[in-house]
């Protein structure tokens, strides 16, 4: 009986270990409905970048005492390969050099780099609506996820107990109008729309009037995707801004630029051009979960000075997260195994 009981215990432990290993290897998320610990979404979203960059860091830093002047050029190359950019990589390595003395260990260098990335990125608190209504204009090039971002922002505001109105200013794509209407229904937001091909400024005018008459808390305005190099299309956006400001003085209170992380360094050029034309107040970086080039977030922040407001790390409504520099730097560099990474079996 005793031997049989021991055997059952052993078999149970082996089965549990096998299940746990399969779950880790699959990189499974927490069960549906279960609250994820803080930072887990971002760690999962940065998994591709972390694996690529982490492998390079491990090769460069190794273990034990390290000769800084030998290692730092290799560290700079690893940062450039992670799409941090040449200029920003040099800046970070220079900061690490000033922090450390000769003979620093690989762990010391990793910690110093993590701290400097956190400082460079900075973190600004998620804006809380202070005006009534609080008007947010969302823009960007084609295919970056503007409409989906607006839907997720509507969900965030609705969860916070705010009434939301969404304006379908992308009148060039009927699918965008329909998509925004679906998000409005899902989140309880009020949609303002016109027929496909309508003048975007006219739709926005209607939206501002509706927001005032219904006394809503938050207005989120979608716009058509446009190449940042097309001056006439940028002029159209400026006209939309003027309509908003004329109807609601001081608005838009936020002008968010949505950037696709998979485009790498091209996102920096987009940020500069849109900011020059519209005065961008914050960035939304999407598709971090679909790229190994997540380091571009660091380059964008350092080279444009525009704060990153949100990051998109998945398709779920709660996968649009307020940006946190500490969480980002830890998700990228923390030597502890990231959530969802396959366990290393000795």
Foldseek 3Di string as FASTA:
>chain_A
DVVVVVVVVVVVVVVVVVVVQVQLAQLDDPPPPDDDDPLQLLLLLLVLQQVQLVVQLCVLQPWFWDALVVRLVSQLVSLVVLLLNNVLSVVLSVQLVVVDDHRDHSVSSLVSSLVSLLVLQDADPQDDQDDFAAEEEEAEAPPLCRLVVLLLVLQVVVVVVFAEEEFELALQDPVSLVSNVVSCVVRVHHYQYDHRPDQSLVSLLVVLVVSVVVRGHYYYYYHHHDDLPDPVVLVSVVSSQVSNCVSPPPPNVAYEYEAEQAVRPVSLVRLVSSCVSPVHQEYEYESSNPDSNNSSSSNNCNVPVHHHQWYARDSDSVRTGGDRSSSNSCSNRVPPDRRSHRDDDD
